Amino acid sequence: MFVRLNFQKKGLPHTHMLIWLHLNFKCRTTEDVDSIVSAEIPDKFTDPICYEIVSKFMIHGPCGLANPKSQRINEGVC
């Protein structure tokens, strides 16, 4: 398994992982992947600090035709 921890432009840690699986355990469909990988937004009321951080730095709003002035637009593509 290869793991590399690095930081985004805004300084938040994230990781890139490359994992080799035995043929019997490979994910072959999106449903296979969804059964083992998940992400959750922290609860706004029980963990307001984490909710604010995730909402501010980890989720971007609409882009493309819905918001052509988005910072994520590069030559007309999100």
PDB file of N, CA and C in Angstrom:
ATOM      1  N   MET A   1       0.844  -1.169   0.000  1.00  0.00           N
ATOM      2  CA  MET A   1       0.000   0.000   0.000  1.00  0.00           C
ATOM      3  C   MET A   1       0.895   1.239   0.000  1.00  0.00           C
ATOM      4  N   PHE A   2       0.530   2.231  -0.780  1.00  0.00           N
ATOM      5  CA  PHE A   2       1.257   3.488  -0.873  1.00  0.00           C
ATOM      6  C   PHE A   2       0.361   4.576  -0.303  1.00  0.00           C
ATOM      7  N   VAL A   3       0.865   5.374   0.628  1.00  0.00           N
ATOM      8  CA  VAL A   3       0.105   6.477   1.207  1.00  0.00           C
ATOM      9  C   VAL A   3       0.968   7.721   1.174  1.00  0.00           C
ATOM     10  N   ARG A   4       0.389   8.807   0.723  1.00  0.00           N
ATOM     11  CA  ARG A   4       1.094  10.084   0.717  1.00  0.00           C
ATOM     12  C   ARG A   4       0.193  11.130   1.343  1.00  0.00           C
ATOM     13  N   LEU A   5       0.653  11.805   2.366  1.00  0.00           N
ATOM     14  CA  LEU A   5      -0.104  12.858   3.009  1.00  0.00           C
ATOM     15  C   LEU A   5       0.432  14.181   2.512  1.00  0.00           C
ATOM     16  N   ASN A   6      -0.448  15.003   2.018  1.00  0.00           N
ATOM     17  CA  ASN A   6      -0.013  16.336   1.615  1.00  0.00           C
ATOM     18  C   ASN A   6      -1.102  17.346   1.966  1.00  0.00           C
ATOM     19  N   PHE A   7      -0.867  18.600   1.673  1.00  0.00           N
ATOM     20  CA  PHE A   7      -1.781  19.654   2.070  1.00  0.00           C
ATOM     21  C   PHE A   7      -2.312  20.385   0.852  1.00  0.00           C
ATOM     22  N   GLN A   8      -3.604  20.756   0.953  1.00  0.00           N
ATOM     23  CA  GLN A   8      -4.211  21.525  -0.115  1.00  0.00           C
ATOM     24  C   GLN A   8      -3.735  22.968  -0.011  1.00  0.00           C
ATOM     25  N   LYS A   9      -4.110  23.791  -0.962  1.00  0.00           N
ATOM     26  CA  LYS A   9      -3.714  25.193  -0.943  1.00  0.00           C
ATOM     27  C   LYS A   9      -4.151  25.886   0.340  1.00  0.00           C
ATOM     28  N   LYS A  10      -5.281  25.468   0.891  1.00  0.00           N
ATOM     29  CA  LYS A  10      -5.797  26.113   2.100  1.00  0.00           C
ATOM     30  C   LYS A  10      -5.243  25.456   3.360  1.00  0.00           C
ATOM     31  N   GLY A  11      -4.291  24.533   3.229  1.00  0.00           N
ATOM     32  CA  GLY A  11      -3.623  23.972   4.373  1.00  0.00           C
ATOM     33  C   GLY A  11      -4.296  22.790   5.027  1.00  0.00           C
ATOM     34  N   LEU A  12      -5.382  22.267   4.472  1.00  0.00           N
ATOM     35  CA  LEU A  12      -6.069  21.145   5.088  1.00  0.00           C
ATOM     36  C   LEU A  12      -5.435  19.830   4.656  1.00  0.00           C
ATOM     37  N   PRO A  13      -5.155  18.941   5.601  1.00  0.00           N
ATOM     38  CA  PRO A  13      -4.526  17.667   5.235  1.00  0.00           C
ATOM     39  C   PRO A  13      -5.480  16.746   4.491  1.00  0.00           C
ATOM     40  N   HIS A  14      -4.952  15.997   3.592  1.00  0.00           N
ATOM     41  CA  HIS A  14      -5.702  14.960   2.896  1.00  0.00           C
ATOM     42  C   HIS A  14      -4.688  13.900   2.458  1.00  0.00           C
ATOM     43  N   THR A  15      -5.169  12.805   1.976  1.00  0.00           N
ATOM     44  CA  THR A  15      -4.251  11.731   1.609  1.00  0.00           C
ATOM     45  C   THR A  15      -4.598  11.146   0.253  1.00  0.00           C
ATOM     46  N   HIS A  16      -3.591  10.615  -0.400  1.00  0.00           N
ATOM     47  CA  HIS A  16      -3.761   9.862  -1.634  1.00  0.00           C
ATOM     48  C   HIS A  16      -3.315   8.446  -1.312  1.00  0.00           C
ATOM     49  N   MET A  17      -4.153   7.469  -1.584  1.00  0.00           N
ATOM     50  CA  MET A  17      -3.786   6.085  -1.287  1.00  0.00           C
ATOM     51  C   MET A  17      -3.933   5.227  -2.534  1.00  0.00           C
ATOM     52  N   LEU A  18      -2.983   4.377  -2.722  1.00  0.00           N
ATOM     53  CA  LEU A  18      -3.024   3.389  -3.784  1.00  0.00           C
ATOM     54  C   LEU A  18      -2.910   2.032  -3.103  1.00  0.00           C
ATOM     55  N   ILE A  19      -3.951   1.221  -3.217  1.00  0.00           N
ATOM     56  CA  ILE A  19      -4.010  -0.042  -2.501  1.00  0.00           C
ATOM     57  C   ILE A  19      -4.184  -1.173  -3.503  1.00  0.00           C
ATOM     58  N   TRP A  20      -3.311  -2.184  -3.409  1.00  0.00           N
ATOM     59  CA  TRP A  20      -3.439  -3.363  -4.254  1.00  0.00           C
ATOM     60  C   TRP A  20      -4.224  -4.424  -3.488  1.00  0.00           C
ATOM     61  N   LEU A  21      -5.246  -4.970  -4.108  1.00  0.00           N
ATOM     62  CA  LEU A  21      -6.068  -5.996  -3.482  1.00  0.00           C
ATOM     63  C   LEU A  21      -5.921  -7.321  -4.213  1.00  0.00           C
ATOM     64  N   HIS A  22      -6.057  -8.395  -3.463  1.00  0.00           N
ATOM     65  CA  HIS A  22      -6.080  -9.727  -4.064  1.00  0.00           C
ATOM     66  C   HIS A  22      -7.272  -9.796  -5.015  1.00  0.00           C
ATOM     67  N   LEU A  23      -7.181 -10.572  -6.078  1.00  0.00           N
ATOM     68  CA  LEU A  23      -8.259 -10.668  -7.066  1.00  0.00           C
ATOM     69  C   LEU A  23      -9.620 -10.948  -6.443  1.00  0.00           C
ATOM     70  N   ASN A  24      -9.657 -11.739  -5.380  1.00  0.00           N
ATOM     71  CA  ASN A  24     -10.937 -12.078  -4.746  1.00  0.00           C
ATOM     72  C   ASN A  24     -11.594 -10.897  -4.037  1.00  0.00           C
ATOM     73  N   PHE A  25     -10.830  -9.831  -3.780  1.00  0.00           N
ATOM     74  CA  PHE A  25     -11.344  -8.716  -2.993  1.00  0.00           C
ATOM     75  C   PHE A  25     -11.451  -7.410  -3.781  1.00  0.00           C
ATOM     76  N   LYS A  26     -11.217  -7.451  -5.077  1.00  0.00           N
ATOM     77  CA  LYS A  26     -11.258  -6.227  -5.869  1.00  0.00           C
ATOM     78  C   LYS A  26     -12.678  -5.691  -5.994  1.00  0.00           C
ATOM     79  N   CYS A  27     -12.777  -4.370  -5.999  1.00  0.00           N
ATOM     80  CA  CYS A  27     -14.063  -3.705  -6.232  1.00  0.00           C
ATOM     81  C   CYS A  27     -14.284  -3.644  -7.735  1.00  0.00           C
ATOM     82  N   ARG A  28     -15.367  -4.208  -8.186  1.00  0.00           N
ATOM     83  CA  ARG A  28     -15.635  -4.274  -9.627  1.00  0.00           C
ATOM     84  C   ARG A  28     -16.743  -3.309 -10.063  1.00  0.00           C
ATOM     85  N   THR A  29     -17.558  -2.855  -9.120  1.00  0.00           N
ATOM     86  CA  THR A  29     -18.668  -1.964  -9.469  1.00  0.00           C
ATOM     87  C   THR A  29     -18.675  -0.769  -8.527  1.00  0.00           C
ATOM     88  N   THR A  30     -19.446   0.253  -8.891  1.00  0.00           N
ATOM     89  CA  THR A  30     -19.584   1.408  -8.003  1.00  0.00           C
ATOM     90  C   THR A  30     -20.260   1.011  -6.695  1.00  0.00           C
ATOM     91  N   GLU A  31     -21.134   0.021  -6.752  1.00  0.00           N
ATOM     92  CA  GLU A  31     -21.788  -0.451  -5.534  1.00  0.00           C
ATOM     93  C   GLU A  31     -20.767  -1.084  -4.587  1.00  0.00           C
ATOM     94  N   ASP A  32     -19.784  -1.802  -5.144  1.00  0.00           N
ATOM     95  CA  ASP A  32     -18.715  -2.373  -4.323  1.00  0.00           C
ATOM     96  C   ASP A  32     -17.947  -1.269  -3.598  1.00  0.00           C
ATOM     97  N   VAL A  33     -17.607  -0.229  -4.332  1.00  0.00           N
ATOM     98  CA  VAL A  33     -16.866   0.885  -3.737  1.00  0.00           C
ATOM     99  C   VAL A  33     -17.722   1.564  -2.668  1.00  0.00           C
ATOM    100  N   ASP A  34     -18.966   1.844  -2.990  1.00  0.00           N
ATOM    101  CA  ASP A  34     -19.857   2.509  -2.034  1.00  0.00           C
ATOM    102  C   ASP A  34     -20.066   1.703  -0.756  1.00  0.00           C
ATOM    103  N   SER A  35     -19.913   0.387  -0.839  1.00  0.00           N
ATOM    104  CA  SER A  35     -20.116  -0.441   0.352  1.00  0.00           C
ATOM    105  C   SER A  35     -18.964  -0.321   1.358  1.00  0.00           C
ATOM    106  N   ILE A  36     -17.801   0.205   0.917  1.00  0.00           N
ATOM    107  CA  ILE A  36     -16.668   0.313   1.837  1.00  0.00           C
ATOM    108  C   ILE A  36     -16.130   1.727   2.015  1.00  0.00           C
ATOM    109  N   VAL A  37     -16.489   2.654   1.133  1.00  0.00           N
ATOM    110  CA  VAL A  37     -15.993   4.022   1.219  1.00  0.00           C
ATOM    111  C   VAL A  37     -17.165   4.949   1.506  1.00  0.00           C
ATOM    112  N   SER A  38     -16.976   5.837   2.458  1.00  0.00           N
ATOM    113  CA  SER A  38     -18.045   6.795   2.755  1.00  0.00           C
ATOM    114  C   SER A  38     -17.432   8.106   3.237  1.00  0.00           C
ATOM    115  N   ALA A  39     -18.222   9.132   3.191  1.00  0.00           N
ATOM    116  CA  ALA A  39     -17.832  10.442   3.717  1.00  0.00           C
ATOM    117  C   ALA A  39     -19.076  11.072   4.319  1.00  0.00           C
ATOM    118  N   GLU A  40     -18.887  11.761   5.419  1.00  0.00           N
ATOM    119  CA  GLU A  40     -20.015  12.398   6.083  1.00  0.00           C
ATOM    120  C   GLU A  40     -19.662  13.846   6.414  1.00  0.00           C
ATOM    121  N   ILE A  41     -20.648  14.703   6.328  1.00  0.00           N
ATOM    122  CA  ILE A  41     -20.497  16.075   6.783  1.00  0.00           C
ATOM    123  C   ILE A  41     -20.812  16.059   8.277  1.00  0.00           C
ATOM    124  N   PRO A  42     -19.939  16.647   9.108  1.00  0.00           N
ATOM    125  CA  PRO A  42     -20.207  16.654  10.546  1.00  0.00           C
ATOM    126  C   PRO A  42     -21.551  17.316  10.867  1.00  0.00           C
ATOM    127  N   ASP A  43     -22.170  16.863  11.939  1.00  0.00           N
ATOM    128  CA  ASP A  43     -23.470  17.413  12.342  1.00  0.00           C
ATOM    129  C   ASP A  43     -23.310  18.876  12.765  1.00  0.00           C
ATOM    130  N   LYS A  44     -24.157  19.728  12.222  1.00  0.00           N
ATOM    131  CA  LYS A  44     -24.088  21.165  12.449  1.00  0.00           C
ATOM    132  C   LYS A  44     -24.295  21.530  13.922  1.00  0.00           C
ATOM    133  N   PHE A  45     -25.090  20.734  14.635  1.00  0.00           N
ATOM    134  CA  PHE A  45     -25.434  21.080  16.015  1.00  0.00           C
ATOM    135  C   PHE A  45     -24.546  20.384  17.044  1.00  0.00           C
ATOM    136  N   THR A  46     -24.125  19.157  16.794  1.00  0.00           N
ATOM    137  CA  THR A  46     -23.280  18.465  17.767  1.00  0.00           C
ATOM    138  C   THR A  46     -21.796  18.766  17.585  1.00  0.00           C
ATOM    139  N   ASP A  47     -21.390  19.192  16.379  1.00  0.00           N
ATOM    140  CA  ASP A  47     -19.991  19.509  16.120  1.00  0.00           C
ATOM    141  C   ASP A  47     -19.899  20.727  15.198  1.00  0.00           C
ATOM    142  N   PRO A  48     -20.308  21.899  15.700  1.00  0.00           N
ATOM    143  CA  PRO A  48     -20.379  23.084  14.832  1.00  0.00           C
ATOM    144  C   PRO A  48     -19.037  23.535  14.264  1.00  0.00           C
ATOM    145  N   ILE A  49     -17.947  23.335  15.007  1.00  0.00           N
ATOM    146  CA  ILE A  49     -16.631  23.772  14.520  1.00  0.00           C
ATOM    147  C   ILE A  49     -16.215  22.944  13.305  1.00  0.00           C
ATOM    148  N   CYS A  50     -16.314  21.618  13.421  1.00  0.00           N
ATOM    149  CA  CYS A  50     -15.948  20.760  12.281  1.00  0.00           C
ATOM    150  C   CYS A  50     -16.891  20.985  11.109  1.00  0.00           C
ATOM    151  N   TYR A  51     -18.169  21.184  11.401  1.00  0.00           N
ATOM    152  CA  TYR A  51     -19.141  21.456  10.331  1.00  0.00           C
ATOM    153  C   TYR A  51     -18.734  22.708   9.555  1.00  0.00           C
ATOM    154  N   GLU A  52     -18.362  23.750  10.275  1.00  0.00           N
ATOM    155  CA  GLU A  52     -17.966  25.001   9.626  1.00  0.00           C
ATOM    156  C   GLU A  52     -16.716  24.818   8.772  1.00  0.00           C
ATOM    157  N   ILE A  53     -15.729  24.093   9.288  1.00  0.00           N
ATOM    158  CA  ILE A  53     -14.480  23.861   8.545  1.00  0.00           C
ATOM    159  C   ILE A  53     -14.756  23.062   7.268  1.00  0.00           C
ATOM    160  N   VAL A  54     -15.506  21.967   7.396  1.00  0.00           N
ATOM    161  CA  VAL A  54     -15.801  21.132   6.225  1.00  0.00           C
ATOM    162  C   VAL A  54     -16.628  21.917   5.209  1.00  0.00           C
ATOM    163  N   SER A  55     -17.627  22.650   5.683  1.00  0.00           N
ATOM    164  CA  SER A  55     -18.483  23.426   4.777  1.00  0.00           C
ATOM    165  C   SER A  55     -17.704  24.509   4.047  1.00  0.00           C
ATOM    166  N   LYS A  56     -16.761  25.111   4.750  1.00  0.00           N
ATOM    167  CA  LYS A  56     -16.004  26.224   4.164  1.00  0.00           C
ATOM    168  C   LYS A  56     -14.915  25.763   3.201  1.00  0.00           C
ATOM    169  N   PHE A  57     -14.194  24.682   3.558  1.00  0.00           N
ATOM    170  CA  PHE A  57     -13.004  24.321   2.790  1.00  0.00           C
ATOM    171  C   PHE A  57     -13.121  23.054   1.945  1.00  0.00           C
ATOM    172  N   MET A  58     -14.051  22.175   2.255  1.00  0.00           N
ATOM    173  CA  MET A  58     -14.078  20.877   1.580  1.00  0.00           C
ATOM    174  C   MET A  58     -15.216  20.725   0.562  1.00  0.00           C
ATOM    175  N   ILE A  59     -16.143  21.649   0.542  1.00  0.00           N
ATOM    176  CA  ILE A  59     -17.287  21.560  -0.377  1.00  0.00           C
ATOM    177  C   ILE A  59     -17.324  22.845  -1.186  1.00  0.00           C
ATOM    178  N   HIS A  60     -17.395  22.713  -2.489  1.00  0.00           N
ATOM    179  CA  HIS A  60     -17.523  23.935  -3.279  1.00  0.00           C
ATOM    180  C   HIS A  60     -18.926  24.016  -3.844  1.00  0.00           C
ATOM    181  N   GLY A  61     -19.371  25.241  -4.026  1.00  0.00           N
ATOM    182  CA  GLY A  61     -20.730  25.483  -4.500  1.00  0.00           C
ATOM    183  C   GLY A  61     -20.865  25.226  -5.982  1.00  0.00           C
ATOM    184  N   PRO A  62     -21.995  25.630  -6.523  1.00  0.00           N
ATOM    185  CA  PRO A  62     -22.229  25.371  -7.940  1.00  0.00           C
ATOM    186  C   PRO A  62     -21.215  26.106  -8.818  1.00  0.00           C
ATOM    187  N   CYS A  63     -20.899  25.475  -9.924  1.00  0.00           N
ATOM    188  CA  CYS A  63     -20.025  26.108 -10.904  1.00  0.00           C
ATOM    189  C   CYS A  63     -20.550  25.754 -12.287  1.00  0.00           C
ATOM    190  N   GLY A  64     -19.837  26.157 -13.289  1.00  0.00           N
ATOM    191  CA  GLY A  64     -20.319  25.931 -14.648  1.00  0.00           C
ATOM    192  C   GLY A  64     -21.405  26.932 -14.996  1.00  0.00           C
ATOM    193  N   LEU A  65     -22.418  26.506 -15.678  1.00  0.00           N
ATOM    194  CA  LEU A  65     -23.498  27.408 -16.084  1.00  0.00           C
ATOM    195  C   LEU A  65     -24.252  27.966 -14.890  1.00  0.00           C
ATOM    196  N   ALA A  66     -24.319  27.204 -13.776  1.00  0.00           N
ATOM    197  CA  ALA A  66     -25.029  27.657 -12.581  1.00  0.00           C
ATOM    198  C   ALA A  66     -24.315  28.823 -11.902  1.00  0.00           C
ATOM    199  N   ASN A  67     -23.001  28.929 -12.081  1.00  0.00           N
ATOM    200  CA  ASN A  67     -22.226  30.000 -11.466  1.00  0.00           C
ATOM    201  C   ASN A  67     -20.953  30.240 -12.285  1.00  0.00           C
ATOM    202  N   PRO A  68     -21.073  30.927 -13.417  1.00  0.00           N
ATOM    203  CA  PRO A  68     -19.917  31.097 -14.307  1.00  0.00           C
ATOM    204  C   PRO A  68     -18.778  31.919 -13.709  1.00  0.00           C
ATOM    205  N   LYS A  69     -19.007  32.634 -12.605  1.00  0.00           N
ATOM    206  CA  LYS A  69     -17.950  33.426 -11.972  1.00  0.00           C
ATOM    207  C   LYS A  69     -17.280  32.675 -10.820  1.00  0.00           C
ATOM    208  N   SER A  70     -17.552  31.402 -10.676  1.00  0.00           N
ATOM    209  CA  SER A  70     -16.953  30.595  -9.623  1.00  0.00           C
ATOM    210  C   SER A  70     -15.440  30.594  -9.758  1.00  0.00           C
ATOM    211  N   GLN A  71     -14.737  30.531  -8.604  1.00  0.00           N
ATOM    212  CA  GLN A  71     -13.271  30.474  -8.620  1.00  0.00           C
ATOM    213  C   GLN A  71     -12.785  29.193  -9.274  1.00  0.00           C
ATOM    214  N   ARG A  72     -13.612  28.186  -9.327  1.00  0.00           N
ATOM    215  CA  ARG A  72     -13.215  26.889  -9.867  1.00  0.00           C
ATOM    216  C   ARG A  72     -13.299  26.833 -11.396  1.00  0.00           C
ATOM    217  N   ILE A  73     -13.806  27.862 -12.021  1.00  0.00           N
ATOM    218  CA  ILE A  73     -13.923  27.887 -13.481  1.00  0.00           C
ATOM    219  C   ILE A  73     -12.572  28.204 -14.105  1.00  0.00           C
ATOM    220  N   ASN A  74     -12.129  27.336 -15.009  1.00  0.00           N
ATOM    221  CA  ASN A  74     -10.880  27.550 -15.726  1.00  0.00           C
ATOM    222  C   ASN A  74     -11.170  27.330 -17.197  1.00  0.00           C
ATOM    223  N   GLU A  75     -11.140  28.406 -17.960  1.00  0.00           N
ATOM    224  CA  GLU A  75     -11.458  28.360 -19.386  1.00  0.00           C
ATOM    225  C   GLU A  75     -12.834  27.754 -19.632  1.00  0.00           C
ATOM    226  N   GLY A  76     -13.796  28.158 -18.797  1.00  0.00           N
ATOM    227  CA  GLY A  76     -15.186  27.732 -18.969  1.00  0.00           C
ATOM    228  C   GLY A  76     -15.519  26.363 -18.420  1.00  0.00           C
ATOM    229  N   VAL A  77     -14.560  25.678 -17.780  1.00  0.00           N
ATOM    230  CA  VAL A  77     -14.778  24.328 -17.258  1.00  0.00           C
ATOM    231  C   VAL A  77     -14.515  24.312 -15.755  1.00  0.00           C
ATOM    232  N   CYS A  78     -15.397  23.618 -15.015  1.00  0.00           N
ATOM    233  CA  CYS A  78     -15.211  23.495 -13.576  1.00  0.00           C
ATOM    234  C   CYS A  78     -14.171  22.425 -13.291  1.00  0.00           C
TER     235      CYS A  78
END
